[in-house]
Each structure stands twice: as structure tokens, then as C-alpha cells.
Protein backbone atom coordinates (compact mmCIF):
# COMPACT_ATOMS: atom_id res chain seq x y z
CA MET A 1 268.06 42.12 46.94
CA ASP A 2 265.08 40.37 48.39
CA LEU A 3 261.74 41.98 47.59
CA SER A 4 260.53 41.47 51.13
CA PHE A 5 263.43 43.48 52.52
CA ILE A 6 262.65 46.32 50.10
CA ALA A 7 259.03 46.32 51.17
CA VAL A 8 259.98 46.50 54.87
CA VAL A 9 262.35 49.40 54.23
CA ALA A 10 259.71 51.26 52.23
CA LEU A 11 257.06 50.78 54.90
CA ALA A 12 259.49 51.90 57.62
CA THR A 13 260.34 55.01 55.61
CA LEU A 14 256.68 55.85 55.11
CA ALA A 15 256.01 55.34 58.82
CA ALA A 16 258.92 57.59 59.81
CA GLY A 17 257.77 60.22 57.34
CA GLY A 18 254.24 60.08 58.79
CA VAL A 19 255.55 60.54 62.31
CA VAL A 20 257.74 63.48 61.27
CA TYR A 21 254.80 65.05 59.38
CA ALA A 22 252.50 64.66 62.36
CA LEU A 23 255.04 66.19 64.73
CA PHE A 24 256.26 69.12 62.65
CA TYR A 25 253.21 70.02 60.52
CA PRO A 26 251.70 72.50 63.03
CA MET A 27 254.97 74.45 63.12
CA LEU A 28 255.41 74.28 59.36
CA SER A 29 251.82 75.29 58.55
CA GLY A 30 251.62 78.15 61.07
CA GLN A 31 248.88 76.49 63.11
CA ALA A 32 250.96 76.68 66.27
CA ARG A 33 251.57 80.37 65.76
CA ALA A 34 247.87 80.92 65.19
CA GLU A 35 247.00 79.01 68.33
CA LYS A 36 249.55 81.01 70.28
CA ARG A 37 248.12 84.30 68.98
CA ARG A 38 244.59 83.12 69.77
CA LYS A 39 245.60 82.38 73.37
CA GLU A 40 247.28 85.76 73.63
CA PHE A 41 244.14 87.59 72.46
CA ALA A 42 241.65 85.40 74.33
CA ALA A 43 242.13 87.08 77.72
CA PRO A 44 241.96 90.69 76.39
CA VAL A 45 238.78 89.84 74.45
CA ALA A 46 237.16 88.48 77.61
CA ALA A 47 238.30 91.56 79.48
CA ARG A 48 236.87 93.78 76.75
CA MET A 49 233.58 91.88 76.93
CA VAL A 50 233.46 92.43 80.68
CA ASP A 51 234.22 96.11 80.15
CA ARG A 52 231.46 96.37 77.54
CA GLU A 53 228.95 94.76 79.88
CA ALA A 54 229.99 97.09 82.69
CA LEU A 55 229.68 100.12 80.40
CA ALA A 56 226.28 98.91 79.20
CA ARG A 57 225.08 98.51 82.80
CA GLN A 58 226.42 101.93 83.68
CA LYS A 59 224.71 103.49 80.65
CA ARG A 60 221.43 101.79 81.53
CA GLY A 61 221.76 103.12 85.06
CA GLN A 62 222.39 106.62 83.77
CA ILE A 63 219.38 106.42 81.43
CA ALA A 64 217.17 105.19 84.27
CA GLN A 65 218.38 108.01 86.51
CA SER A 66 217.74 110.56 83.76
CA LEU A 67 214.22 109.23 83.27
CA LYS A 68 213.58 109.45 87.01
CA GLU A 69 214.80 113.05 87.05
CA ILE A 70 212.60 113.95 84.07
CA GLU A 71 209.59 112.31 85.73
CA ALA A 72 210.31 114.14 88.98
CA ARG A 73 210.52 117.47 87.12
CA GLU A 74 207.25 116.77 85.30
CA ASN A 75 205.51 115.84 88.56
CA ALA A 76 206.86 118.96 90.22
CA ARG A 77 205.70 121.10 87.31
CA ASN A 78 202.26 119.50 87.19
CA LYS A 79 201.81 119.62 90.95
CA VAL A 80 198.75 121.69 91.79
CA THR A 81 199.49 123.93 94.76
CA LEU A 82 196.93 125.75 96.88
CA GLU A 83 197.64 129.01 95.09
CA ILE A 84 196.93 127.41 91.70
CA GLN A 85 193.73 125.89 93.08
CA PHE A 86 192.61 129.31 94.30
CA LEU A 87 193.36 130.71 90.84
CA GLN A 88 191.45 127.91 89.12
CA ALA A 89 188.48 128.35 91.46
CA GLY A 90 188.42 132.11 90.90
CA LEU A 91 188.98 132.87 94.60
CA ASN A 92 191.12 135.80 95.71
CA TRP A 93 192.52 133.84 98.67
CA ASP A 94 195.94 133.08 100.05
CA ARG A 95 197.21 130.30 102.30
CA ARG A 96 196.71 132.33 105.49
CA LYS A 97 193.06 133.05 104.71
CA PHE A 98 192.44 129.44 103.73
CA TYR A 99 193.93 128.14 106.97
CA ILE A 100 191.92 130.63 109.03
CA VAL A 101 188.69 129.59 107.29
CA SER A 102 189.58 125.91 107.78
CA ALA A 103 190.23 126.46 111.50
CA ILE A 104 186.94 128.32 111.99
CA THR A 105 184.98 125.71 110.02
CA GLY A 106 186.57 122.87 111.96
CA LEU A 107 185.88 124.52 115.31
CA VAL A 108 182.24 125.22 114.46
CA THR A 109 181.64 121.70 113.12
CA GLY A 110 183.32 120.09 116.13
CA ILE A 111 181.22 122.15 118.57
CA LEU A 112 178.03 121.26 116.71
CA PHE A 113 178.88 117.56 116.81
CA PHE A 114 179.71 117.74 120.51
CA VAL A 115 176.55 119.68 121.41
CA ALA A 116 174.38 117.24 119.42
CA THR A 117 175.94 114.04 120.81
CA GLY A 118 178.05 114.93 123.85
CA ASN A 119 180.75 112.52 122.62
CA LEU A 120 184.39 113.56 122.58
CA ILE A 121 185.15 111.14 119.73
CA LEU A 122 182.55 112.82 117.55
CA LEU A 123 184.04 116.16 118.58
CA ALA A 124 187.36 115.04 117.08
CA VAL A 125 185.54 113.75 114.00
CA GLY A 126 183.79 117.10 113.59
CA LEU A 127 187.07 118.97 113.93
CA PHE A 128 188.63 116.79 111.24
CA ILE A 129 185.68 117.04 108.85
CA GLY A 130 185.31 120.79 109.28
CA GLY A 131 189.02 121.56 109.22
CA PHE A 132 190.15 119.33 106.36
CA GLY A 133 187.08 118.03 104.53
CA LEU A 134 184.67 120.95 104.07
CA PRO A 135 187.20 123.60 102.89
CA ARG A 136 188.76 121.21 100.37
CA TRP A 137 185.30 120.16 99.19
CA PHE A 138 184.26 123.79 98.77
CA LEU A 139 187.45 124.58 96.86
CA SER A 140 187.03 121.56 94.57
CA ARG A 141 183.36 122.38 93.93
CA ALA A 142 184.13 126.02 93.11
CA ARG A 143 186.90 124.91 90.76
CA THR A 144 184.65 122.38 88.98
CA LYS A 145 181.81 124.89 88.66
CA ARG A 146 184.12 127.53 87.17
CA LEU A 147 185.60 125.04 84.70
CA LYS A 148 182.10 124.07 83.60
CA LYS A 149 181.16 127.70 83.02
CA PHE A 150 184.35 128.25 81.07
CA GLY A 151 183.68 125.22 78.87
CA ASN A 152 180.15 126.41 78.11
CA GLU A 153 181.20 129.95 77.18
CA PHE A 154 184.52 129.22 75.45
CA PRO A 155 183.01 128.19 72.04
CA ASN A 156 181.24 131.58 71.85
CA ALA A 157 184.58 133.31 72.40
CA LEU A 158 186.11 131.25 69.60
CA ASP A 159 183.25 132.25 67.32
CA VAL A 160 183.98 135.91 68.08
CA ILE A 161 187.61 135.38 67.07
CA VAL A 162 186.61 133.57 63.88
CA ARG A 163 184.15 136.27 62.80
CA GLY A 164 186.61 139.04 63.67
CA ILE A 165 189.45 137.48 61.66
CA ARG A 166 187.17 136.88 58.68
CA SER A 167 186.06 140.52 58.80
CA GLY A 168 189.68 141.71 58.79
CA LEU A 169 190.33 142.44 62.46
CA PRO A 170 193.70 141.50 63.97
CA LEU A 171 193.79 138.64 66.45
CA ASN A 172 194.73 140.91 69.37
CA ASP A 173 191.70 143.11 68.75
CA CYS A 174 189.47 140.04 68.81
CA LEU A 175 191.01 138.99 72.12
CA ARG A 176 190.38 142.47 73.54
CA ILE A 177 186.72 142.26 72.49
CA ILE A 178 186.38 138.98 74.36
CA ALA A 179 188.24 140.39 77.39
CA SER A 180 185.73 143.26 77.61
CA GLU A 181 182.40 141.76 76.50
CA ALA A 182 182.43 137.99 77.12
CA ALA A 183 180.79 136.33 80.10
CA GLU A 184 182.71 135.20 83.13
CA PRO A 185 185.07 133.40 83.58
CA VAL A 186 186.14 133.70 79.92
CA ARG A 187 186.36 137.48 80.19
CA THR A 188 188.80 137.33 83.11
CA GLU A 189 190.98 134.68 81.50
CA PHE A 190 191.32 136.56 78.21
CA ARG A 191 192.00 139.77 80.09
CA LEU A 192 194.91 137.98 81.76
CA ILE A 193 196.16 136.97 78.29
CA ILE A 194 196.03 140.60 77.15
CA GLU A 195 197.83 141.74 80.30
CA SER A 196 200.51 139.08 79.80
CA GLN A 197 201.10 140.35 76.27
CA GLY A 198 201.37 143.86 77.62
CA LEU A 199 204.16 142.67 79.91
CA GLY A 200 206.11 141.33 76.92
CA LEU A 201 205.01 137.68 76.88
CA PRO A 202 204.42 136.24 73.38
CA LEU A 203 200.86 135.32 72.45
CA THR A 204 201.56 131.58 72.28
CA GLU A 205 203.09 131.52 75.76
CA ALA A 206 200.28 133.67 77.15
CA ALA A 207 197.74 131.29 75.60
CA SER A 208 199.58 128.28 76.99
CA LYS A 209 199.31 129.82 80.47
CA LEU A 210 195.55 129.62 80.04
CA TYR A 211 195.72 125.85 80.49
CA GLU A 212 197.41 126.30 83.88
CA ARG A 213 194.54 128.47 85.10
CA MET A 214 191.87 126.44 83.32
CA PRO A 215 192.98 122.78 83.23
CA CYS A 216 190.51 121.60 80.61
CA ALA A 217 190.90 120.18 77.13
CA GLU A 218 189.38 123.25 75.49
CA ALA A 219 192.05 125.61 76.83
CA ASN A 220 194.79 123.16 75.91
CA PHE A 221 193.46 122.88 72.34
CA PHE A 222 193.39 126.66 72.01
CA GLY A 223 197.03 127.01 73.05
CA ILE A 224 198.13 124.20 70.72
CA VAL A 225 196.25 125.71 67.75
CA LEU A 226 197.86 129.12 68.24
CA ALA A 227 201.34 127.59 68.62
CA ILE A 228 200.97 125.48 65.46
CA GLN A 229 199.56 128.40 63.48
CA GLN A 230 202.45 130.65 64.45
CA LYS A 231 205.06 128.06 63.45
CA THR A 232 203.49 126.65 60.29
CA GLY A 233 201.00 129.32 59.23
CA GLY A 234 197.61 128.52 57.77
CA ASN A 235 194.04 129.74 57.96
CA LEU A 236 193.54 130.58 61.65
CA SER A 237 189.84 131.37 61.29
CA GLU A 238 189.12 127.98 59.73
CA THR A 239 191.18 126.18 62.37
CA LEU A 240 189.48 127.97 65.26
CA GLY A 241 186.11 127.40 63.62
CA ASN A 242 186.78 123.67 63.50
CA LEU A 243 187.93 123.80 67.12
CA SER A 244 184.73 125.56 68.14
CA LYS A 245 182.71 122.92 66.32
CA VAL A 246 184.61 120.11 68.02
CA ILE A 247 184.09 121.67 71.45
CA ARG A 248 180.36 122.08 70.83
CA GLU A 249 180.09 118.46 69.68
CA ARG A 250 181.93 117.34 72.81
CA ARG A 251 179.53 119.29 74.97
CA LYS A 252 176.57 117.89 73.06
CA MET A 253 177.89 114.37 73.57
CA ARG A 254 178.46 115.08 77.27
CA ASP A 255 174.88 116.35 77.68
CA LYS A 256 173.52 113.35 75.82
CA ILE A 257 175.43 110.93 78.03
CA GLN A 258 174.23 112.80 81.11
CA ALA A 259 170.63 112.54 79.94
CA VAL A 260 170.95 108.83 79.19
CA SER A 261 172.63 108.12 82.54
CA MET A 262 170.09 110.04 84.64
CA GLU A 263 168.06 106.89 85.23
CA ALA A 264 171.11 105.08 86.59
CA LYS A 265 172.02 108.10 88.72
CA ALA A 266 168.49 108.25 90.16
CA SER A 267 168.61 104.53 90.93
CA ALA A 268 171.98 104.93 92.62
CA ALA A 269 170.67 107.86 94.68
CA ILE A 270 167.63 105.88 95.80
CA ILE A 271 169.73 102.83 96.70
CA GLY A 272 172.25 104.97 98.59
CA ALA A 273 169.57 106.91 100.51
CA LEU A 274 167.39 103.90 101.34
CA PRO A 275 169.37 102.52 104.37
CA PRO A 276 169.64 105.83 106.31
CA VAL A 277 166.02 106.72 105.51
CA VAL A 278 164.82 103.33 106.75
CA ALA A 279 167.00 103.67 109.86
CA ILE A 280 165.50 107.09 110.65
CA LEU A 281 161.93 105.83 110.14
CA VAL A 282 162.56 102.80 112.34
CA TYR A 283 164.07 105.06 115.03
CA LEU A 284 161.03 107.33 114.90
CA THR A 285 158.61 104.42 115.21
CA SER A 286 160.57 101.95 117.41
CA PRO A 287 163.60 103.59 119.03
CA LYS A 288 164.15 100.74 121.50
CA TYR A 289 164.42 98.30 118.62
CA ILE A 290 167.15 100.08 116.64
CA GLU A 291 169.14 101.69 119.45
CA LEU A 292 170.89 98.35 119.99
CA LEU A 293 173.07 99.31 117.03
CA TRP A 294 174.87 102.05 118.99
CA ILE A 295 174.37 100.76 122.54
CA THR A 296 175.80 97.24 122.32
CA GLN A 297 179.30 96.38 121.15
CA THR A 298 178.02 93.95 118.52
CA GLY A 299 175.68 96.61 117.17
CA LYS A 300 178.52 99.13 116.89
CA VAL A 301 180.64 96.65 114.94
CA ALA A 302 177.70 95.85 112.65
CA LEU A 303 177.00 99.56 112.15
CA VAL A 304 180.59 100.31 111.20
CA ALA A 305 180.71 97.31 108.84
CA CYS A 306 177.47 98.37 107.16
CA ALA A 307 178.75 101.94 106.77
CA VAL A 308 181.95 100.68 105.14
CA TRP A 309 180.05 98.42 102.75
CA MET A 310 177.62 101.22 101.91
CA LEU A 311 180.53 103.55 101.18
CA ILE A 312 182.14 100.95 98.92
CA GLY A 313 178.85 100.40 97.08
CA ILE A 314 178.30 104.13 96.59
CA MET A 315 181.82 104.60 95.23
CA VAL A 316 181.36 101.66 92.83
CA MET A 317 178.04 103.02 91.58
CA ARG A 318 179.56 106.47 91.19
CA LYS A 319 182.39 105.00 89.15
CA MET A 320 179.94 103.11 86.93
CA ILE A 321 177.81 106.15 86.10
CA ASN A 322 180.61 108.72 85.82
CA PHE A 323 181.78 109.29 82.24
CA ASN A 324 184.65 111.47 81.07
CA ILE A 325 184.41 112.96 77.58
């Protein structure tokens, strides 16, 4: 047999075997079955991914809604109503009395403005200032003044508690001593704590109510110290002694800052009072010269613009010299 014929047959056989291998290998090796299974599971996996994303978005929405509800509850709880403001200011008022006083103040202020100027616009301005501005200002000032008195007297009350505990007196007896002998408004606030305990309220909750009536850091510290001491134990006299020291150091720092900033406050007061003082002096000496400000339209616009800029400057200076400790 010719060698060339054998070689052709061998090559043809190899070629046929290669074609058969290429065609049937996926079925023989299981690759086709794997591909088929992959295609079968591809769509459910995509669907599961879509479901996961939808669930994640839903969960994020639920978390955001929960956070909004918590924030709304906190804002509602921390909202200071008129009754709480009366309590913080130490005024035995109710809404009806406050509204009556506001109406009377507004009416009197509006009449005074109208009698002094004869302008109906200033009558409305006087009604607004007297009805909404002055009562709120008085309430805020009374509240601030009472908080300042409480902060000045509160370290002395803590010292009474510390000395009483070290001498062997129970904490409630120390609180009763403060409620009967301390200066106002500390005496009233501790008497309310004693009365709350008499109604069945625990000491920690009664002390935490102090912060609602006296929204200052000192009252909050006192409630936190009592709550921690009840849960974990410890030397209450030492803790309250440290708290009293911290409060006195805070007050000392506040007084020091106030003393250092008095020069800036005096400068701000002089700068703020200079324009109206100059305007009054010019009016007394040359009324025809300055009355153009409220007679002509251009003068009225300039006067309003100057008042706005002066108000902005005063607020900026107040912000620069006001420090919170």
C-alpha cells in the first residue's frame, strides 16, 4: 500500500475525530448542562436582586420615617409652652391673664404713639409692639433673671447637701433644709422636689423635673448625678462637691469674660447710641435741616435704610460680644 494513501487516510481520520470532538465535547463534559442551568437560574437571581433592592429601599424609607417621628416627638417634648415659660419665670399667670395684659399693654402703647404723632400707621405699630413685643420681652427678662439667681444660689445648696451627708444626715433631710432655709428661687424649686416625692415620685424623676422648670446646665447636672448615683452607687457627697466646684468655676469664668468684654460692650453701646443722639441734637439745633428725612419721600427711604443697617450692625456687635459658658 502506498505510503501517501496511508497518510491521507490518517489525516482524514484525525480531522473527522477533531470535528466529532468539537461537536460532542460540551455534551460529554457537562458544559451544556451547566450552561442550561446557569440560564435557568439567571432570571431568578436578577429577580432576587431586584427584590433585595426594593426591600433595601423600603427599609431605608421606614428608618427615615422612624427618625422623623422620633425627631417630631423630641421637638414636641422640648417645646416650651406659655405655661412652662410662666413657671420658669416664677409668675403665677395663666394664658387668660397673659392675653389680657398683652391687650391692655398694646392698647396703651398704641394710644401713646397716636397721641404723640397723630399717625394711624404708628398707632398700628404701637399696638403690635405693646401687644406682642413688650409682654414677651418682660416674660423673657423675668425668666433670664430668675435663672441667673438660681445659678448663683445653687452651689450653696449643693454645699448644704454635701455637709449634711458628710455629717450623717439622709439626703431627703438635706433637701428639706434647703427647701426651708435657702434663698429664692432655689427654695421654691427644692420645695417642689419634696412635694413631688410626697406624691410618690422617685427622687431621680423629681430631680429631673427640676431641669424643666430651670433649663440651665446646673439643674441638668444635678439630675444626672443623682440618677447615676442611684444606679451605680458611689460617694454622693464627693460627687456633689465636685459638681459644686465645677459650677463655681463656670460662674467665675463667666464673670471674668464679662469683665474682659465690658470695654467692647461699652464701645458697642456708644456706637449704637451715637446716630439717634446726633439726630436729636441736630433736630434741637436745626429742625428745618433734618426734618427732610421724614417729610420727603427720599428722606423716608434713607431713614428706613439707615434704621435697617443700624439694626443689622447692632445685632452683629451683640453676637460678637455675647459669650455662652
